[in-house]
C-alpha atoms as a PDB file:
ATOM      1  CA  UNK A   1      10.382 -37.890  88.537  1.00  0.00           C
ATOM      2  CA  UNK A   2      12.313 -34.695  87.878  1.00  0.00           C
ATOM      3  CA  UNK A   3      11.942 -32.830  84.591  1.00  0.00           C
ATOM      4  CA  UNK A   4      15.075 -31.371  83.054  1.00  0.00           C
ATOM      5  CA  UNK A   5      14.406 -28.298  80.871  1.00  0.00           C
ATOM      6  CA  UNK A   6      17.959 -27.766  79.706  1.00  0.00           C
ATOM      7  CA  UNK A   7      18.640 -27.269  76.057  1.00  0.00           C
ATOM      8  CA  UNK A   8      20.095 -30.303  74.519  1.00  0.00           C
ATOM      9  CA  UNK A   9      20.659 -28.723  71.122  1.00  0.00           C
ATOM     10  CA  UNK A  10      24.022 -27.099  70.483  1.00  0.00           C
ATOM     11  CA  UNK A  11      22.462 -24.669  67.962  1.00  0.00           C
ATOM     12  CA  UNK A  12      21.877 -21.136  69.195  1.00  0.00           C
ATOM     13  CA  UNK A  13      19.716 -18.534  67.493  1.00  0.00           C
ATOM     14  CA  UNK A  14      18.699 -14.935  68.026  1.00  0.00           C
ATOM     15  CA  UNK A  15      15.483 -14.340  69.807  1.00  0.00           C
ATOM     16  CA  UNK A  16      12.762 -12.144  68.355  1.00  0.00           C
ATOM     17  CA  UNK A  17      13.492  -9.420  70.939  1.00  0.00           C
ATOM     18  CA  UNK A  18      17.172  -9.320  69.998  1.00  0.00           C
ATOM     19  CA  UNK A  19      16.335  -8.994  66.306  1.00  0.00           C
ATOM     20  CA  UNK A  20      13.868  -6.171  66.996  1.00  0.00           C
ATOM     21  CA  UNK A  21      16.426  -4.292  69.086  1.00  0.00           C
ATOM     22  CA  UNK A  22      19.104  -4.547  66.377  1.00  0.00           C
ATOM     23  CA  UNK A  23      16.615  -3.465  63.694  1.00  0.00           C
ATOM     24  CA  UNK A  24      15.537  -0.488  65.811  1.00  0.00           C
ATOM     25  CA  UNK A  25      19.145   0.606  66.385  1.00  0.00           C
ATOM     26  CA  UNK A  26      19.899   0.422  62.643  1.00  0.00           C
ATOM     27  CA  UNK A  27      16.743   2.440  61.853  1.00  0.00           C
ATOM     28  CA  UNK A  28      17.724   5.119  64.384  1.00  0.00           C
ATOM     29  CA  UNK A  29      21.253   5.365  62.979  1.00  0.00           C
ATOM     30  CA  UNK A  30      19.897   5.651  59.423  1.00  0.00           C
ATOM     31  CA  UNK A  31      17.485   8.402  60.483  1.00  0.00           C
ATOM     32  CA  UNK A  32      20.302  10.359  62.093  1.00  0.00           C
ATOM     33  CA  UNK A  33      22.712   9.968  59.168  1.00  0.00           C
ATOM     34  CA  UNK A  34      20.406  10.895  56.247  1.00  0.00           C
ATOM     35  CA  UNK A  35      20.572  14.689  56.854  1.00  0.00           C
ATOM     36  CA  UNK A  36      24.332  14.346  57.223  1.00  0.00           C
ATOM     37  CA  UNK A  37      24.642  13.146  53.621  1.00  0.00           C
ATOM     38  CA  UNK A  38      23.203  16.415  52.269  1.00  0.00           C
ATOM     39  CA  UNK A  39      25.626  18.419  54.390  1.00  0.00           C
ATOM     40  CA  UNK A  40      28.574  16.314  53.233  1.00  0.00           C
ATOM     41  CA  UNK A  41      27.548  16.661  49.584  1.00  0.00           C
ATOM     42  CA  UNK A  42      27.385  20.460  49.938  1.00  0.00           C
ATOM     43  CA  UNK A  43      30.759  20.524  51.655  1.00  0.00           C
ATOM     44  CA  UNK A  44      32.306  18.363  48.915  1.00  0.00           C
ATOM     45  CA  UNK A  45      30.924  20.738  46.262  1.00  0.00           C
ATOM     46  CA  UNK A  46      32.399  23.713  48.106  1.00  0.00           C
ATOM     47  CA  UNK A  47      35.822  22.054  48.346  1.00  0.00           C
ATOM     48  CA  UNK A  48      35.688  21.187  44.637  1.00  0.00           C
ATOM     49  CA  UNK A  49      34.721  24.791  43.831  1.00  0.00           C
ATOM     50  CA  UNK A  50      37.738  26.080  45.776  1.00  0.00           C
ATOM     51  CA  UNK A  51      39.926  23.603  43.898  1.00  0.00           C
ATOM     52  CA  UNK A  52      38.611  24.954  40.571  1.00  0.00           C
ATOM     53  CA  UNK A  53      39.479  28.504  41.650  1.00  0.00           C
ATOM     54  CA  UNK A  54      43.010  27.450  42.618  1.00  0.00           C
ATOM     55  CA  UNK A  55      43.472  25.808  39.211  1.00  0.00           C
ATOM     56  CA  UNK A  56      42.234  29.026  37.586  1.00  0.00           C
ATOM     57  CA  UNK A  57      44.784  31.010  39.624  1.00  0.00           C
ATOM     58  CA  UNK A  58      47.529  28.796  38.221  1.00  0.00           C
ATOM     59  CA  UNK A  59      46.155  29.348  34.713  1.00  0.00           C
ATOM     60  CA  UNK A  60      46.081  33.130  35.106  1.00  0.00           C
ATOM     61  CA  UNK A  61      49.617  33.118  36.547  1.00  0.00           C
ATOM     62  CA  UNK A  62      50.899  31.006  33.639  1.00  0.00           C
ATOM     63  CA  UNK A  63      49.183  33.247  31.108  1.00  0.00           C
ATOM     64  CA  UNK A  64      50.642  36.419  32.634  1.00  0.00           C
ATOM     65  CA  UNK A  65      54.143  34.929  32.862  1.00  0.00           C
ATOM     66  CA  UNK A  66      54.103  34.294  29.123  1.00  0.00           C
ATOM     67  CA  UNK A  67      52.545  37.688  28.297  1.00  0.00           C
ATOM     68  CA  UNK A  68      54.803  40.135  30.186  1.00  0.00           C
ATOM     69  CA  UNK A  69      52.590  40.169  33.327  1.00  0.00           C
ATOM     70  CA  UNK A  70      49.601  41.489  31.351  1.00  0.00           C
ATOM     71  CA  UNK A  71      46.116  40.262  32.275  1.00  0.00           C
ATOM     72  CA  UNK A  72      44.143  38.666  29.400  1.00  0.00           C
ATOM     73  CA  UNK A  73      42.586  41.512  27.413  1.00  0.00           C
ATOM     74  CA  UNK A  74      39.136  40.876  26.011  1.00  0.00           C
ATOM     75  CA  UNK A  75      38.671  42.185  22.458  1.00  0.00           C
ATOM     76  CA  UNK A  76      36.485  45.316  22.227  1.00  0.00           C
ATOM     77  CA  UNK A  77      32.791  44.594  21.790  1.00  0.00           C
ATOM     78  CA  UNK A  78      33.033  40.971  22.891  1.00  0.00           C
ATOM     79  CA  UNK A  79      31.633  41.628  26.366  1.00  0.00           C
ATOM     80  CA  UNK A  80      28.615  43.274  24.753  1.00  0.00           C
ATOM     81  CA  UNK A  81      27.959  40.215  22.578  1.00  0.00           C
ATOM     82  CA  UNK A  82      26.270  37.074  23.824  1.00  0.00           C
ATOM     83  CA  UNK A  83      27.562  35.636  27.063  1.00  0.00           C
ATOM     84  CA  UNK A  84      28.511  32.279  25.540  1.00  0.00           C
ATOM     85  CA  UNK A  85      31.119  33.881  23.281  1.00  0.00           C
ATOM     86  CA  UNK A  86      32.572  35.799  26.209  1.00  0.00           C
ATOM     87  CA  UNK A  87      33.082  32.636  28.299  1.00  0.00           C
ATOM     88  CA  UNK A  88      34.411  30.809  25.275  1.00  0.00           C
ATOM     89  CA  UNK A  89      37.010  33.559  24.899  1.00  0.00           C
ATOM     90  CA  UNK A  90      38.102  33.229  28.556  1.00  0.00           C
ATOM     91  CA  UNK A  91      38.298  29.455  28.153  1.00  0.00           C
ATOM     92  CA  UNK A  92      40.459  29.777  25.021  1.00  0.00           C
ATOM     93  CA  UNK A  93      42.879  32.109  26.843  1.00  0.00           C
ATOM     94  CA  UNK A  94      43.497  29.727  29.746  1.00  0.00           C
ATOM     95  CA  UNK A  95      43.056  26.249  28.259  1.00  0.00           C
ATOM     96  CA  UNK A  96      46.780  25.955  27.447  1.00  0.00           C
ATOM     97  CA  UNK A  97      47.521  26.573  31.132  1.00  0.00           C
ATOM     98  CA  UNK A  98      45.501  23.643  32.491  1.00  0.00           C
ATOM     99  CA  UNK A  99      42.092  25.310  32.908  1.00  0.00           C
ATOM    100  CA  UNK A 100      39.418  23.170  31.238  1.00  0.00           C
ATOM    101  CA  UNK A 101      35.760  24.069  30.722  1.00  0.00           C
ATOM    102  CA  UNK A 102      34.906  21.895  33.709  1.00  0.00           C
ATOM    103  CA  UNK A 103      37.007  24.202  35.893  1.00  0.00           C
ATOM    104  CA  UNK A 104      34.840  27.183  34.890  1.00  0.00           C
ATOM    105  CA  UNK A 105      31.770  25.504  36.430  1.00  0.00           C
ATOM    106  CA  UNK A 106      31.128  25.205  40.155  1.00  0.00           C
ATOM    107  CA  UNK A 107      29.778  21.747  41.084  1.00  0.00           C
ATOM    108  CA  UNK A 108      27.077  23.468  43.149  1.00  0.00           C
ATOM    109  CA  UNK A 109      25.821  25.401  40.099  1.00  0.00           C
ATOM    110  CA  UNK A 110      22.430  23.805  39.481  1.00  0.00           C
ATOM    111  CA  UNK A 111      21.728  25.970  36.441  1.00  0.00           C
ATOM    112  CA  UNK A 112      23.925  23.674  34.339  1.00  0.00           C
ATOM    113  CA  UNK A 113      24.261  20.299  36.120  1.00  0.00           C
ATOM    114  CA  UNK A 114      24.526  18.245  32.939  1.00  0.00           C
ATOM    115  CA  UNK A 115      26.778  20.656  31.031  1.00  0.00           C
ATOM    116  CA  UNK A 116      28.611  19.082  28.140  1.00  0.00           C
ATOM    117  CA  UNK A 117      32.010  20.457  27.293  1.00  0.00           C
ATOM    118  CA  UNK A 118      31.914  20.517  23.526  1.00  0.00           C
ATOM    119  CA  UNK A 119      33.563  23.536  21.899  1.00  0.00           C
ATOM    120  CA  UNK A 120      30.346  24.340  19.991  1.00  0.00           C
ATOM    121  CA  UNK A 121      28.156  24.544  23.128  1.00  0.00           C
ATOM    122  CA  UNK A 122      26.744  27.822  24.362  1.00  0.00           C
ATOM    123  CA  UNK A 123      29.048  27.810  27.346  1.00  0.00           C
ATOM    124  CA  UNK A 124      28.412  29.813  30.535  1.00  0.00           C
ATOM    125  CA  UNK A 125      30.691  30.008  33.546  1.00  0.00           C
ATOM    126  CA  UNK A 126      29.996  29.981  37.279  1.00  0.00           C
ATOM    127  CA  UNK A 127      32.795  32.518  37.809  1.00  0.00           C
ATOM    128  CA  UNK A 128      33.297  36.140  36.727  1.00  0.00           C
ATOM    129  CA  UNK A 129      36.878  37.301  36.015  1.00  0.00           C
ATOM    130  CA  UNK A 130      37.756  40.902  36.850  1.00  0.00           C
ATOM    131  CA  UNK A 131      38.728  43.035  33.821  1.00  0.00           C
ATOM    132  CA  UNK A 132      42.036  44.898  34.168  1.00  0.00           C
ATOM    133  CA  UNK A 133      43.779  47.311  31.824  1.00  0.00           C
ATOM    134  CA  UNK A 134      46.522  46.210  29.442  1.00  0.00           C
ATOM    135  CA  UNK A 135      49.450  47.494  31.494  1.00  0.00           C
ATOM    136  CA  UNK A 136      52.004  45.126  33.040  1.00  0.00           C
ATOM    137  CA  UNK A 137      51.464  44.137  36.692  1.00  0.00           C
ATOM    138  CA  UNK A 138      48.028  45.788  36.939  1.00  0.00           C
ATOM    139  CA  UNK A 139      46.517  42.576  38.295  1.00  0.00           C
ATOM    140  CA  UNK A 140      48.995  42.716  41.206  1.00  0.00           C
ATOM    141  CA  UNK A 141      48.783  46.432  42.101  1.00  0.00           C
ATOM    142  CA  UNK A 142      45.849  46.114  44.485  1.00  0.00           C
ATOM    143  CA  UNK A 143      46.161  43.139  46.790  1.00  0.00           C
ATOM    144  CA  UNK A 144      42.527  43.437  47.860  1.00  0.00           C
ATOM    145  CA  UNK A 145      41.168  43.463  44.273  1.00  0.00           C
ATOM    146  CA  UNK A 146      39.759  39.987  43.464  1.00  0.00           C
ATOM    147  CA  UNK A 147      40.698  38.241  40.245  1.00  0.00           C
ATOM    148  CA  UNK A 148      37.643  35.990  40.018  1.00  0.00           C
ATOM    149  CA  UNK A 149      34.296  36.116  41.823  1.00  0.00           C
ATOM    150  CA  UNK A 150      31.778  33.296  41.970  1.00  0.00           C
ATOM    151  CA  UNK A 151      28.291  34.114  40.673  1.00  0.00           C
ATOM    152  CA  UNK A 152      25.365  34.306  43.073  1.00  0.00           C
ATOM    153  CA  UNK A 153      24.752  32.111  46.085  1.00  0.00           C
ATOM    154  CA  UNK A 154      25.745  28.712  44.760  1.00  0.00           C
ATOM    155  CA  UNK A 155      26.592  27.372  48.223  1.00  0.00           C
ATOM    156  CA  UNK A 156      23.449  28.474  50.008  1.00  0.00           C
ATOM    157  CA  UNK A 157      21.959  31.703  51.296  1.00  0.00           C
ATOM    158  CA  UNK A 158      24.070  31.864  54.440  1.00  0.00           C
ATOM    159  CA  UNK A 159      27.385  31.723  52.580  1.00  0.00           C
ATOM    160  CA  UNK A 160      28.665  34.383  50.233  1.00  0.00           C
ATOM    161  CA  UNK A 161      30.474  33.732  46.964  1.00  0.00           C
ATOM    162  CA  UNK A 162      34.007  32.380  46.822  1.00  0.00           C
ATOM    163  CA  UNK A 163      36.526  35.016  45.717  1.00  0.00           C
ATOM    164  CA  UNK A 164      39.960  34.335  44.164  1.00  0.00           C
ATOM    165  CA  UNK A 165      42.578  36.851  45.300  1.00  0.00           C
ATOM    166  CA  UNK A 166      45.894  37.766  43.544  1.00  0.00           C
ATOM    167  CA  UNK A 167      47.983  35.777  46.049  1.00  0.00           C
ATOM    168  CA  UNK A 168      45.970  32.602  45.335  1.00  0.00           C
ATOM    169  CA  UNK A 169      43.914  32.630  48.513  1.00  0.00           C
ATOM    170  CA  UNK A 170      40.192  31.997  48.353  1.00  0.00           C
ATOM    171  CA  UNK A 171      38.098  34.333  50.485  1.00  0.00           C
ATOM    172  CA  UNK A 172      34.496  34.092  51.472  1.00  0.00           C
ATOM    173  CA  UNK A 173      32.365  36.993  50.274  1.00  0.00           C
ATOM    174  CA  UNK A 174      29.522  38.500  52.239  1.00  0.00           C
ATOM    175  CA  UNK A 175      26.224  36.684  52.130  1.00  0.00           C
ATOM    176  CA  UNK A 176      23.440  38.325  50.164  1.00  0.00           C
ATOM    177  CA  UNK A 177      21.008  37.141  52.847  1.00  0.00           C
ATOM    178  CA  UNK A 178      22.546  38.010  56.253  1.00  0.00           C
ATOM    179  CA  UNK A 179      20.874  36.638  59.348  1.00  0.00           C
END
């Protein structure tokens, strides 16, 4: 008598070894990709920051076109007052040109991650505009003079602040912590 060990069932299933191999491959891929998410989040914040600076450039250009090419002039004594009033003043100057309070904050700025944008808030910006005199075209006289500089090292120690130039380009400043 001959024994036949062929499968008679038409159902097929995964073996335990196959399931362990697939689970191991998924675990390895997850381990490799987790650090990548932090990098991608930082890169997305940097791209959003550059977008905010470009929107601010458009706001400054619109303001100067309507004011005979004169840079916004801060009232005397305001820059010596509290910082919230100073940023509120900058916001008020550019809000009609498409620059909202959200555009004054870099997404990587962890000092104010849950900032609300109510007019009565003590508002602080992630960017510092350059003061110019009240003469026409002063903001365009020096092509290497930045219009807006990002505060601190919002994008990490190895990267310097983003800098908005008069021609609308965004340059990378020098790192405060060189290697």
